[in-house]
């Protein structure tokens, strides 16, 4: 708790307005750690906490290893019932495609977005030497960036009436 508080304090003191709280590899989803993360979110006025609980069926062709990760997170990630000042999404997508989201997967996910607040986890970016060295996971950073910025995605989002949350931009 002290380490997480120090990290949050450093970001706040640097002038960042934190829109949500999460952790590397979703560590905060472990029930005992979830309680700590939720309390820190309240303490620092962070309005959202990531709940990596993907309940929809994975897309066709999802490797067994990613299905196992999804199942594990579903088993441990809390399913809180009491609302408080901190919110979490109603629906979560992207675990099965983490680092490998392409236009086809994105269209598949967008076609299944239900009513309510949904979060899509992605890792878009421009690959460089440092990124490749530090994260040798085989992620396709640029493929995800292209899929998310494509005209196809924009059209599908508009056609389905999906409203993108831009509160972090404010």
N, C-alpha and C. Protein backbone atom coordinates (compact mmCIF):
# COMPACT_ATOMS: atom_id res chain seq x y z
N UNK A 1 0.83 -1.19 0.00
CA UNK A 1 0.00 0.00 0.00
C UNK A 1 0.87 1.25 0.00
N UNK A 2 1.94 1.21 0.78
CA UNK A 2 2.84 2.37 0.86
C UNK A 2 3.50 2.64 -0.50
N UNK A 3 3.89 1.56 -1.18
CA UNK A 3 4.53 1.74 -2.50
C UNK A 3 3.55 2.31 -3.50
N UNK A 4 2.35 1.77 -3.55
CA UNK A 4 1.34 2.28 -4.49
C UNK A 4 1.01 3.73 -4.18
N UNK A 5 0.88 4.05 -2.87
CA UNK A 5 0.58 5.43 -2.49
C UNK A 5 1.70 6.36 -2.95
N UNK A 6 2.95 5.93 -2.78
CA UNK A 6 4.09 6.76 -3.19
C UNK A 6 4.09 6.99 -4.71
N UNK A 7 3.76 5.95 -5.47
CA UNK A 7 3.72 6.10 -6.92
C UNK A 7 2.61 7.07 -7.35
N UNK A 8 1.45 6.92 -6.73
CA UNK A 8 0.34 7.82 -7.06
C UNK A 8 0.69 9.25 -6.66
N UNK A 9 1.23 9.42 -5.46
CA UNK A 9 1.62 10.74 -4.97
C UNK A 9 2.61 11.41 -5.93
N UNK A 10 3.58 10.65 -6.43
CA UNK A 10 4.57 11.20 -7.35
C UNK A 10 3.91 11.72 -8.62
N UNK A 11 2.95 10.95 -9.15
CA UNK A 11 2.24 11.39 -10.37
C UNK A 11 1.40 12.63 -10.09
N UNK A 12 0.69 12.63 -8.97
CA UNK A 12 -0.15 13.78 -8.61
C UNK A 12 0.72 15.01 -8.38
N UNK A 13 1.82 14.86 -7.66
CA UNK A 13 2.72 15.98 -7.39
C UNK A 13 3.36 16.53 -8.66
N UNK A 14 3.48 15.67 -9.68
CA UNK A 14 4.05 16.11 -10.97
C UNK A 14 3.00 16.85 -11.82
N UNK A 15 1.78 16.92 -11.31
CA UNK A 15 0.74 17.67 -12.00
C UNK A 15 -0.19 16.85 -12.87
N UNK A 16 -0.07 15.53 -12.81
CA UNK A 16 -0.96 14.69 -13.62
C UNK A 16 -2.33 14.58 -12.96
N UNK A 17 -3.36 14.65 -13.78
CA UNK A 17 -4.73 14.41 -13.31
C UNK A 17 -5.03 12.96 -13.66
N UNK A 18 -5.12 12.10 -12.67
CA UNK A 18 -5.28 10.68 -12.91
C UNK A 18 -6.74 10.34 -13.18
N UNK A 19 -6.98 9.76 -14.35
CA UNK A 19 -8.34 9.42 -14.78
C UNK A 19 -8.75 8.03 -14.32
N UNK A 20 -7.77 7.15 -14.13
CA UNK A 20 -8.10 5.81 -13.67
C UNK A 20 -6.88 5.20 -12.99
N UNK A 21 -7.13 4.12 -12.28
CA UNK A 21 -6.07 3.40 -11.59
C UNK A 21 -6.08 1.96 -12.06
N UNK A 22 -4.91 1.45 -12.41
CA UNK A 22 -4.76 0.04 -12.76
C UNK A 22 -3.36 -0.38 -12.35
N UNK A 23 -2.95 -1.56 -12.74
CA UNK A 23 -1.63 -2.04 -12.35
C UNK A 23 -1.04 -2.91 -13.46
N UNK A 24 0.26 -3.08 -13.39
CA UNK A 24 0.95 -3.93 -14.37
C UNK A 24 0.44 -5.36 -14.24
N UNK A 25 0.08 -5.94 -15.36
CA UNK A 25 -0.41 -7.32 -15.42
C UNK A 25 -1.66 -7.53 -14.55
N UNK A 26 -2.40 -6.45 -14.29
CA UNK A 26 -3.67 -6.51 -13.55
C UNK A 26 -3.49 -7.05 -12.13
N UNK A 27 -2.34 -6.81 -11.54
CA UNK A 27 -2.06 -7.28 -10.19
C UNK A 27 -3.11 -6.81 -9.19
N UNK A 28 -3.62 -5.62 -9.38
CA UNK A 28 -4.61 -5.06 -8.44
C UNK A 28 -5.92 -5.84 -8.43
N UNK A 29 -6.11 -6.76 -9.38
CA UNK A 29 -7.35 -7.55 -9.44
C UNK A 29 -7.36 -8.67 -8.40
N UNK A 30 -6.22 -8.98 -7.82
CA UNK A 30 -6.19 -9.96 -6.73
C UNK A 30 -7.04 -9.37 -5.60
N UNK A 31 -8.03 -10.12 -5.10
CA UNK A 31 -9.00 -9.53 -4.17
C UNK A 31 -8.43 -8.70 -3.03
N UNK A 32 -7.41 -9.17 -2.34
CA UNK A 32 -6.85 -8.39 -1.23
C UNK A 32 -6.22 -7.09 -1.73
N UNK A 33 -5.64 -7.11 -2.92
CA UNK A 33 -5.03 -5.92 -3.49
C UNK A 33 -6.07 -4.98 -4.07
N UNK A 34 -7.20 -5.55 -4.54
CA UNK A 34 -8.30 -4.72 -5.05
C UNK A 34 -8.78 -3.75 -3.97
N UNK A 35 -8.91 -4.24 -2.77
CA UNK A 35 -9.36 -3.41 -1.65
C UNK A 35 -8.40 -2.24 -1.45
N UNK A 36 -7.10 -2.51 -1.50
CA UNK A 36 -6.10 -1.46 -1.35
C UNK A 36 -6.20 -0.46 -2.49
N UNK A 37 -6.29 -0.96 -3.72
CA UNK A 37 -6.39 -0.07 -4.89
C UNK A 37 -7.64 0.80 -4.80
N UNK A 38 -8.76 0.22 -4.42
CA UNK A 38 -10.00 0.98 -4.31
C UNK A 38 -9.89 2.07 -3.25
N UNK A 39 -9.28 1.76 -2.13
CA UNK A 39 -9.11 2.76 -1.06
C UNK A 39 -8.18 3.88 -1.51
N UNK A 40 -7.12 3.54 -2.23
CA UNK A 40 -6.21 4.57 -2.74
C UNK A 40 -6.90 5.44 -3.79
N UNK A 41 -7.73 4.84 -4.61
CA UNK A 41 -8.48 5.61 -5.60
C UNK A 41 -9.37 6.64 -4.90
N UNK A 42 -10.03 6.22 -3.85
CA UNK A 42 -10.88 7.15 -3.08
C UNK A 42 -10.00 8.23 -2.44
N UNK A 43 -8.92 7.83 -1.82
CA UNK A 43 -8.02 8.76 -1.13
C UNK A 43 -7.52 9.87 -2.06
N UNK A 44 -7.18 9.49 -3.29
CA UNK A 44 -6.61 10.46 -4.23
C UNK A 44 -7.64 11.04 -5.20
N UNK A 45 -8.90 10.68 -5.03
CA UNK A 45 -9.94 11.21 -5.90
C UNK A 45 -9.83 10.72 -7.33
N UNK A 46 -9.33 9.50 -7.51
CA UNK A 46 -9.23 8.90 -8.84
C UNK A 46 -10.58 8.27 -9.14
N UNK A 47 -11.26 8.71 -10.19
CA UNK A 47 -12.66 8.31 -10.38
C UNK A 47 -12.89 6.88 -10.87
N UNK A 48 -11.86 6.24 -11.42
CA UNK A 48 -12.09 4.92 -12.02
C UNK A 48 -11.00 3.94 -11.65
N UNK A 49 -11.41 2.69 -11.55
CA UNK A 49 -10.51 1.59 -11.24
C UNK A 49 -10.75 0.50 -12.28
N UNK A 50 -9.68 0.04 -12.92
CA UNK A 50 -9.85 -0.99 -13.95
C UNK A 50 -10.25 -2.32 -13.31
N UNK A 51 -11.31 -2.91 -13.86
CA UNK A 51 -11.76 -4.23 -13.44
C UNK A 51 -11.63 -5.16 -14.65
N UNK A 52 -10.53 -5.91 -14.75
CA UNK A 52 -10.27 -6.73 -15.94
C UNK A 52 -11.04 -8.04 -15.92
N UNK A 53 -12.33 -7.94 -16.01
CA UNK A 53 -13.21 -9.12 -15.92
C UNK A 53 -13.96 -9.27 -17.24
N UNK A 54 -13.40 -10.01 -18.14
CA UNK A 54 -13.96 -10.18 -19.49
C UNK A 54 -14.93 -11.35 -19.49
N UNK A 55 -16.22 -11.05 -19.58
CA UNK A 55 -17.24 -12.09 -19.43
C UNK A 55 -17.77 -12.64 -20.75
N UNK A 56 -17.53 -11.95 -21.86
CA UNK A 56 -18.03 -12.46 -23.14
C UNK A 56 -17.13 -13.60 -23.63
N UNK A 57 -17.63 -14.38 -24.54
CA UNK A 57 -16.84 -15.47 -25.12
C UNK A 57 -15.68 -14.88 -25.92
N UNK A 58 -14.53 -15.54 -25.92
CA UNK A 58 -13.40 -15.02 -26.71
C UNK A 58 -13.66 -15.20 -28.20
N UNK A 59 -13.02 -14.38 -29.01
CA UNK A 59 -13.19 -14.51 -30.46
C UNK A 59 -12.69 -15.86 -30.96
N UNK A 60 -13.23 -16.31 -32.08
CA UNK A 60 -12.73 -17.55 -32.68
C UNK A 60 -11.22 -17.45 -32.95
N UNK A 61 -10.53 -18.53 -32.72
CA UNK A 61 -9.09 -18.55 -32.99
C UNK A 61 -8.23 -18.06 -31.83
N UNK A 62 -8.84 -17.76 -30.69
CA UNK A 62 -8.07 -17.30 -29.54
C UNK A 62 -7.24 -18.48 -29.00
N UNK A 63 -5.91 -18.30 -28.89
CA UNK A 63 -5.06 -19.39 -28.39
C UNK A 63 -5.45 -19.82 -26.98
N UNK A 64 -5.20 -21.06 -26.65
CA UNK A 64 -5.56 -21.60 -25.35
C UNK A 64 -4.90 -20.83 -24.22
N UNK A 65 -3.65 -20.36 -24.43
CA UNK A 65 -2.94 -19.64 -23.36
C UNK A 65 -3.67 -18.35 -23.00
N UNK A 66 -4.21 -17.67 -23.99
CA UNK A 66 -4.95 -16.42 -23.73
C UNK A 66 -6.32 -16.73 -23.13
N UNK A 67 -6.89 -17.85 -23.52
CA UNK A 67 -8.16 -18.26 -22.90
C UNK A 67 -7.95 -18.53 -21.41
N UNK A 68 -6.80 -19.12 -21.09
CA UNK A 68 -6.47 -19.42 -19.70
C UNK A 68 -6.30 -18.13 -18.89
N UNK A 69 -5.62 -17.14 -19.44
CA UNK A 69 -5.44 -15.85 -18.77
C UNK A 69 -6.81 -15.21 -18.52
N UNK A 70 -7.66 -15.23 -19.54
CA UNK A 70 -9.02 -14.66 -19.39
C UNK A 70 -9.76 -15.35 -18.25
N UNK A 71 -9.69 -16.67 -18.25
CA UNK A 71 -10.40 -17.44 -17.24
C UNK A 71 -9.86 -17.14 -15.84
N UNK A 72 -8.54 -17.02 -15.72
CA UNK A 72 -7.94 -16.69 -14.43
C UNK A 72 -8.36 -15.33 -13.92
N UNK A 73 -8.34 -14.34 -14.79
CA UNK A 73 -8.76 -12.99 -14.38
C UNK A 73 -10.24 -12.97 -14.03
N UNK A 74 -11.03 -13.70 -14.77
CA UNK A 74 -12.46 -13.77 -14.48
C UNK A 74 -12.69 -14.39 -13.10
N UNK A 75 -11.85 -15.36 -12.76
CA UNK A 75 -12.00 -16.04 -11.47
C UNK A 75 -11.58 -15.15 -10.30
N UNK A 76 -10.53 -14.34 -10.48
CA UNK A 76 -10.05 -13.56 -9.34
C UNK A 76 -10.56 -12.13 -9.31
N UNK A 77 -10.85 -11.55 -10.47
CA UNK A 77 -11.26 -10.13 -10.49
C UNK A 77 -12.57 -9.97 -9.75
N UNK A 78 -12.64 -8.99 -8.89
CA UNK A 78 -13.84 -8.81 -8.09
C UNK A 78 -15.07 -8.51 -8.94
N UNK A 79 -16.18 -8.88 -8.39
CA UNK A 79 -17.48 -8.55 -8.99
C UNK A 79 -18.22 -7.74 -7.93
N UNK A 80 -17.76 -6.50 -7.70
CA UNK A 80 -18.29 -5.72 -6.59
C UNK A 80 -19.76 -5.38 -6.79
N UNK A 81 -20.47 -5.32 -5.68
CA UNK A 81 -21.89 -5.01 -5.75
C UNK A 81 -22.21 -3.64 -5.17
N UNK A 82 -21.45 -3.19 -4.21
CA UNK A 82 -21.74 -1.91 -3.58
C UNK A 82 -21.06 -0.77 -4.33
N UNK A 83 -21.85 0.11 -4.95
CA UNK A 83 -21.23 1.24 -5.64
C UNK A 83 -20.65 2.24 -4.65
N UNK A 84 -19.65 2.95 -5.05
CA UNK A 84 -19.05 3.98 -4.22
C UNK A 84 -18.62 5.12 -5.11
N UNK A 85 -17.74 5.96 -4.62
CA UNK A 85 -17.32 7.10 -5.45
C UNK A 85 -16.44 6.69 -6.63
N UNK A 86 -15.85 5.49 -6.56
CA UNK A 86 -14.99 5.01 -7.64
C UNK A 86 -15.82 4.08 -8.51
N UNK A 87 -15.72 4.27 -9.83
CA UNK A 87 -16.48 3.43 -10.77
C UNK A 87 -15.55 2.48 -11.49
N UNK A 88 -16.13 1.41 -12.01
CA UNK A 88 -15.43 0.48 -12.88
C UNK A 88 -16.40 0.12 -13.99
N UNK A 89 -15.87 -0.36 -15.07
CA UNK A 89 -16.69 -0.61 -16.25
C UNK A 89 -17.70 -1.74 -16.03
N UNK A 90 -18.77 -1.66 -16.82
CA UNK A 90 -19.77 -2.73 -16.82
C UNK A 90 -19.28 -3.94 -17.61
N UNK A 91 -18.50 -3.67 -18.65
CA UNK A 91 -18.04 -4.72 -19.57
C UNK A 91 -16.57 -4.44 -19.92
N UNK A 92 -15.81 -5.50 -20.09
CA UNK A 92 -14.37 -5.38 -20.36
C UNK A 92 -14.02 -6.27 -21.54
N UNK A 93 -13.21 -5.75 -22.45
CA UNK A 93 -12.83 -6.50 -23.66
C UNK A 93 -11.34 -6.35 -23.93
N UNK A 94 -10.77 -7.32 -24.60
CA UNK A 94 -9.42 -7.20 -25.14
C UNK A 94 -8.36 -8.09 -24.53
N UNK A 95 -8.67 -8.78 -23.43
CA UNK A 95 -7.65 -9.64 -22.81
C UNK A 95 -7.15 -10.68 -23.81
N UNK A 96 -8.05 -11.31 -24.51
CA UNK A 96 -7.67 -12.38 -25.44
C UNK A 96 -6.84 -11.85 -26.61
N UNK A 97 -6.96 -10.56 -26.91
CA UNK A 97 -6.25 -9.99 -28.04
C UNK A 97 -5.08 -9.10 -27.61
N UNK A 98 -4.79 -9.06 -26.34
CA UNK A 98 -3.76 -8.15 -25.83
C UNK A 98 -2.49 -8.23 -26.67
N UNK A 99 -2.12 -7.09 -27.21
CA UNK A 99 -0.91 -7.00 -28.02
C UNK A 99 -1.04 -7.53 -29.42
N UNK A 100 -2.21 -8.05 -29.76
CA UNK A 100 -2.42 -8.64 -31.08
C UNK A 100 -3.73 -8.18 -31.72
N UNK A 101 -4.26 -7.08 -31.23
CA UNK A 101 -5.51 -6.57 -31.77
C UNK A 101 -5.28 -6.11 -33.21
N UNK A 102 -6.08 -6.61 -34.11
CA UNK A 102 -6.01 -6.16 -35.50
C UNK A 102 -7.40 -5.69 -35.90
N UNK A 103 -7.55 -5.26 -37.13
CA UNK A 103 -8.82 -4.71 -37.59
C UNK A 103 -9.95 -5.73 -37.46
N UNK A 104 -9.67 -6.99 -37.74
CA UNK A 104 -10.70 -8.02 -37.65
C UNK A 104 -11.17 -8.25 -36.22
N UNK A 105 -10.21 -8.37 -35.28
CA UNK A 105 -10.57 -8.53 -33.88
C UNK A 105 -11.33 -7.31 -33.37
N UNK A 106 -10.86 -6.12 -33.77
CA UNK A 106 -11.52 -4.90 -33.31
C UNK A 106 -12.97 -4.86 -33.79
N UNK A 107 -13.19 -5.19 -35.06
CA UNK A 107 -14.56 -5.21 -35.59
C UNK A 107 -15.41 -6.24 -34.84
N UNK A 108 -14.83 -7.39 -34.53
CA UNK A 108 -15.55 -8.43 -33.79
C UNK A 108 -15.96 -7.91 -32.42
N UNK A 109 -15.03 -7.27 -31.71
CA UNK A 109 -15.31 -6.73 -30.38
C UNK A 109 -16.36 -5.62 -30.47
N UNK A 110 -16.16 -4.67 -31.37
CA UNK A 110 -17.10 -3.54 -31.49
C UNK A 110 -18.51 -4.04 -31.79
N UNK A 111 -18.63 -5.12 -32.53
CA UNK A 111 -19.93 -5.68 -32.86
C UNK A 111 -20.63 -6.30 -31.66
N UNK A 112 -19.92 -6.45 -30.55
CA UNK A 112 -20.50 -7.08 -29.36
C UNK A 112 -20.58 -6.13 -28.16
N UNK A 113 -20.34 -4.86 -28.38
CA UNK A 113 -20.40 -3.89 -27.28
C UNK A 113 -21.85 -3.74 -26.84
N UNK A 114 -22.15 -4.09 -25.60
CA UNK A 114 -23.53 -3.97 -25.09
C UNK A 114 -23.79 -2.56 -24.54
N UNK A 115 -25.00 -2.34 -24.10
CA UNK A 115 -25.32 -1.09 -23.42
C UNK A 115 -24.49 -1.00 -22.16
N UNK A 116 -24.17 0.20 -21.75
CA UNK A 116 -23.39 0.40 -20.54
C UNK A 116 -22.00 0.88 -20.87
N UNK A 117 -21.19 0.91 -19.87
CA UNK A 117 -19.82 1.39 -20.02
C UNK A 117 -18.90 0.20 -20.25
N UNK A 118 -18.22 0.20 -21.39
CA UNK A 118 -17.29 -0.88 -21.73
C UNK A 118 -15.88 -0.31 -21.82
N UNK A 119 -14.91 -1.13 -21.43
CA UNK A 119 -13.51 -0.75 -21.57
C UNK A 119 -12.84 -1.76 -22.49
N UNK A 120 -12.04 -1.25 -23.41
CA UNK A 120 -11.25 -2.08 -24.32
C UNK A 120 -9.78 -1.84 -24.00
N UNK A 121 -9.08 -2.89 -23.60
CA UNK A 121 -7.66 -2.75 -23.30
C UNK A 121 -6.87 -2.96 -24.58
N UNK A 122 -5.98 -2.03 -24.85
CA UNK A 122 -5.14 -2.12 -26.05
C UNK A 122 -3.74 -1.64 -25.71
N UNK A 123 -2.82 -1.90 -26.60
CA UNK A 123 -1.43 -1.48 -26.43
C UNK A 123 -0.92 -0.89 -27.75
N UNK A 124 -1.50 0.20 -28.21
CA UNK A 124 -1.02 0.79 -29.46
C UNK A 124 0.29 1.53 -29.26
N UNK A 125 1.06 1.63 -30.30
CA UNK A 125 2.30 2.40 -30.20
C UNK A 125 3.17 2.23 -31.42
N UNK A 126 4.30 2.87 -31.36
CA UNK A 126 5.32 2.77 -32.39
C UNK A 126 6.47 1.96 -31.82
N UNK A 127 6.76 0.85 -32.46
CA UNK A 127 7.82 -0.02 -31.95
C UNK A 127 9.18 0.63 -32.18
N UNK A 128 10.01 0.53 -31.17
CA UNK A 128 11.39 1.00 -31.28
C UNK A 128 12.29 0.00 -30.56
N UNK A 129 13.57 0.26 -30.60
CA UNK A 129 14.54 -0.68 -30.04
C UNK A 129 14.32 -0.91 -28.54
N UNK A 130 14.08 0.16 -27.81
CA UNK A 130 13.89 0.06 -26.36
C UNK A 130 12.63 -0.74 -26.02
N UNK A 131 11.56 -0.46 -26.73
CA UNK A 131 10.30 -1.16 -26.50
C UNK A 131 10.47 -2.66 -26.79
N UNK A 132 11.11 -2.97 -27.89
CA UNK A 132 11.33 -4.37 -28.26
C UNK A 132 12.21 -5.08 -27.23
N UNK A 133 13.20 -4.38 -26.72
CA UNK A 133 14.12 -4.97 -25.74
C UNK A 133 13.42 -5.21 -24.40
N UNK A 134 12.67 -4.22 -23.94
CA UNK A 134 12.06 -4.30 -22.61
C UNK A 134 10.80 -5.15 -22.57
N UNK A 135 10.14 -5.30 -23.71
CA UNK A 135 8.88 -6.05 -23.76
C UNK A 135 8.93 -7.03 -24.93
N UNK A 136 9.61 -8.12 -24.71
CA UNK A 136 9.77 -9.12 -25.77
C UNK A 136 8.59 -10.08 -25.78
N UNK A 137 7.38 -9.54 -25.71
CA UNK A 137 6.18 -10.35 -25.65
C UNK A 137 5.61 -10.65 -27.03
N UNK A 138 6.23 -10.08 -28.05
CA UNK A 138 5.71 -10.29 -29.40
C UNK A 138 4.49 -9.43 -29.70
N UNK A 139 4.30 -8.37 -28.91
CA UNK A 139 3.17 -7.48 -29.17
C UNK A 139 3.33 -6.78 -30.51
N UNK A 140 2.22 -6.55 -31.13
CA UNK A 140 2.20 -5.86 -32.43
C UNK A 140 1.64 -4.45 -32.19
N UNK A 141 2.47 -3.61 -31.59
CA UNK A 141 2.08 -2.26 -31.17
C UNK A 141 1.49 -1.46 -32.34
N UNK A 142 2.20 -1.46 -33.46
CA UNK A 142 1.77 -0.63 -34.60
C UNK A 142 0.51 -1.18 -35.25
N UNK A 143 0.33 -2.49 -35.25
CA UNK A 143 -0.90 -3.09 -35.78
C UNK A 143 -2.10 -2.63 -34.97
N UNK A 144 -1.95 -2.58 -33.66
CA UNK A 144 -3.04 -2.11 -32.81
C UNK A 144 -3.33 -0.64 -33.07
N UNK A 145 -2.29 0.15 -33.21
CA UNK A 145 -2.46 1.58 -33.49
C UNK A 145 -3.21 1.78 -34.81
N UNK A 146 -2.83 1.05 -35.83
CA UNK A 146 -3.50 1.16 -37.13
C UNK A 146 -4.97 0.75 -37.04
N UNK A 147 -5.25 -0.35 -36.34
CA UNK A 147 -6.63 -0.81 -36.21
C UNK A 147 -7.48 0.23 -35.51
N UNK A 148 -6.96 0.79 -34.42
CA UNK A 148 -7.73 1.75 -33.63
C UNK A 148 -7.95 3.07 -34.36
N UNK A 149 -7.01 3.45 -35.21
CA UNK A 149 -7.10 4.73 -35.91
C UNK A 149 -7.70 4.60 -37.31
N UNK A 150 -8.13 3.42 -37.67
CA UNK A 150 -8.61 3.20 -39.03
C UNK A 150 -9.97 3.83 -39.27
N UNK A 151 -10.21 4.14 -40.52
CA UNK A 151 -11.52 4.64 -40.92
C UNK A 151 -12.61 3.61 -40.68
N UNK A 152 -12.28 2.33 -40.85
CA UNK A 152 -13.25 1.26 -40.60
C UNK A 152 -13.74 1.29 -39.16
N UNK A 153 -12.81 1.42 -38.23
CA UNK A 153 -13.18 1.45 -36.81
C UNK A 153 -14.05 2.68 -36.53
N UNK A 154 -13.63 3.81 -37.04
CA UNK A 154 -14.38 5.05 -36.83
C UNK A 154 -15.80 4.91 -37.37
N UNK A 155 -15.93 4.35 -38.55
CA UNK A 155 -17.26 4.16 -39.16
C UNK A 155 -18.12 3.20 -38.35
N UNK A 156 -17.53 2.09 -37.89
CA UNK A 156 -18.30 1.13 -37.12
C UNK A 156 -18.75 1.73 -35.79
N UNK A 157 -17.88 2.47 -35.15
CA UNK A 157 -18.22 3.13 -33.88
C UNK A 157 -19.38 4.09 -34.09
N UNK A 158 -19.30 4.86 -35.15
CA UNK A 158 -20.37 5.82 -35.44
C UNK A 158 -21.67 5.10 -35.81
N UNK A 159 -21.57 4.09 -36.65
CA UNK A 159 -22.75 3.34 -37.10
C UNK A 159 -23.49 2.68 -35.94
N UNK A 160 -22.74 2.17 -34.97
CA UNK A 160 -23.34 1.49 -33.83
C UNK A 160 -23.74 2.45 -32.70
N UNK A 161 -23.40 3.72 -32.87
CA UNK A 161 -23.75 4.70 -31.83
C UNK A 161 -22.93 4.55 -30.56
N UNK A 162 -21.71 4.04 -30.69
CA UNK A 162 -20.83 3.90 -29.53
C UNK A 162 -20.25 5.28 -29.22
N UNK A 163 -20.38 5.67 -27.97
CA UNK A 163 -19.85 6.97 -27.54
C UNK A 163 -18.52 6.74 -26.84
N UNK A 164 -17.46 7.37 -27.37
CA UNK A 164 -16.15 7.22 -26.76
C UNK A 164 -16.04 8.13 -25.55
N UNK A 165 -15.47 7.63 -24.47
CA UNK A 165 -15.31 8.40 -23.25
C UNK A 165 -14.04 9.24 -23.36
N UNK A 166 -14.20 10.52 -23.35
CA UNK A 166 -13.07 11.43 -23.46
C UNK A 166 -12.81 12.18 -22.16
N UNK A 167 -13.36 11.66 -21.05
CA UNK A 167 -13.21 12.36 -19.78
C UNK A 167 -11.75 12.48 -19.35
N UNK A 168 -10.90 11.55 -19.76
CA UNK A 168 -9.49 11.63 -19.41
C UNK A 168 -8.81 12.80 -20.12
N UNK A 169 -9.41 13.28 -21.20
CA UNK A 169 -8.83 14.39 -21.95
C UNK A 169 -9.08 15.74 -21.27
N UNK A 170 -10.00 15.78 -20.32
CA UNK A 170 -10.37 17.05 -19.70
C UNK A 170 -9.50 17.41 -18.53
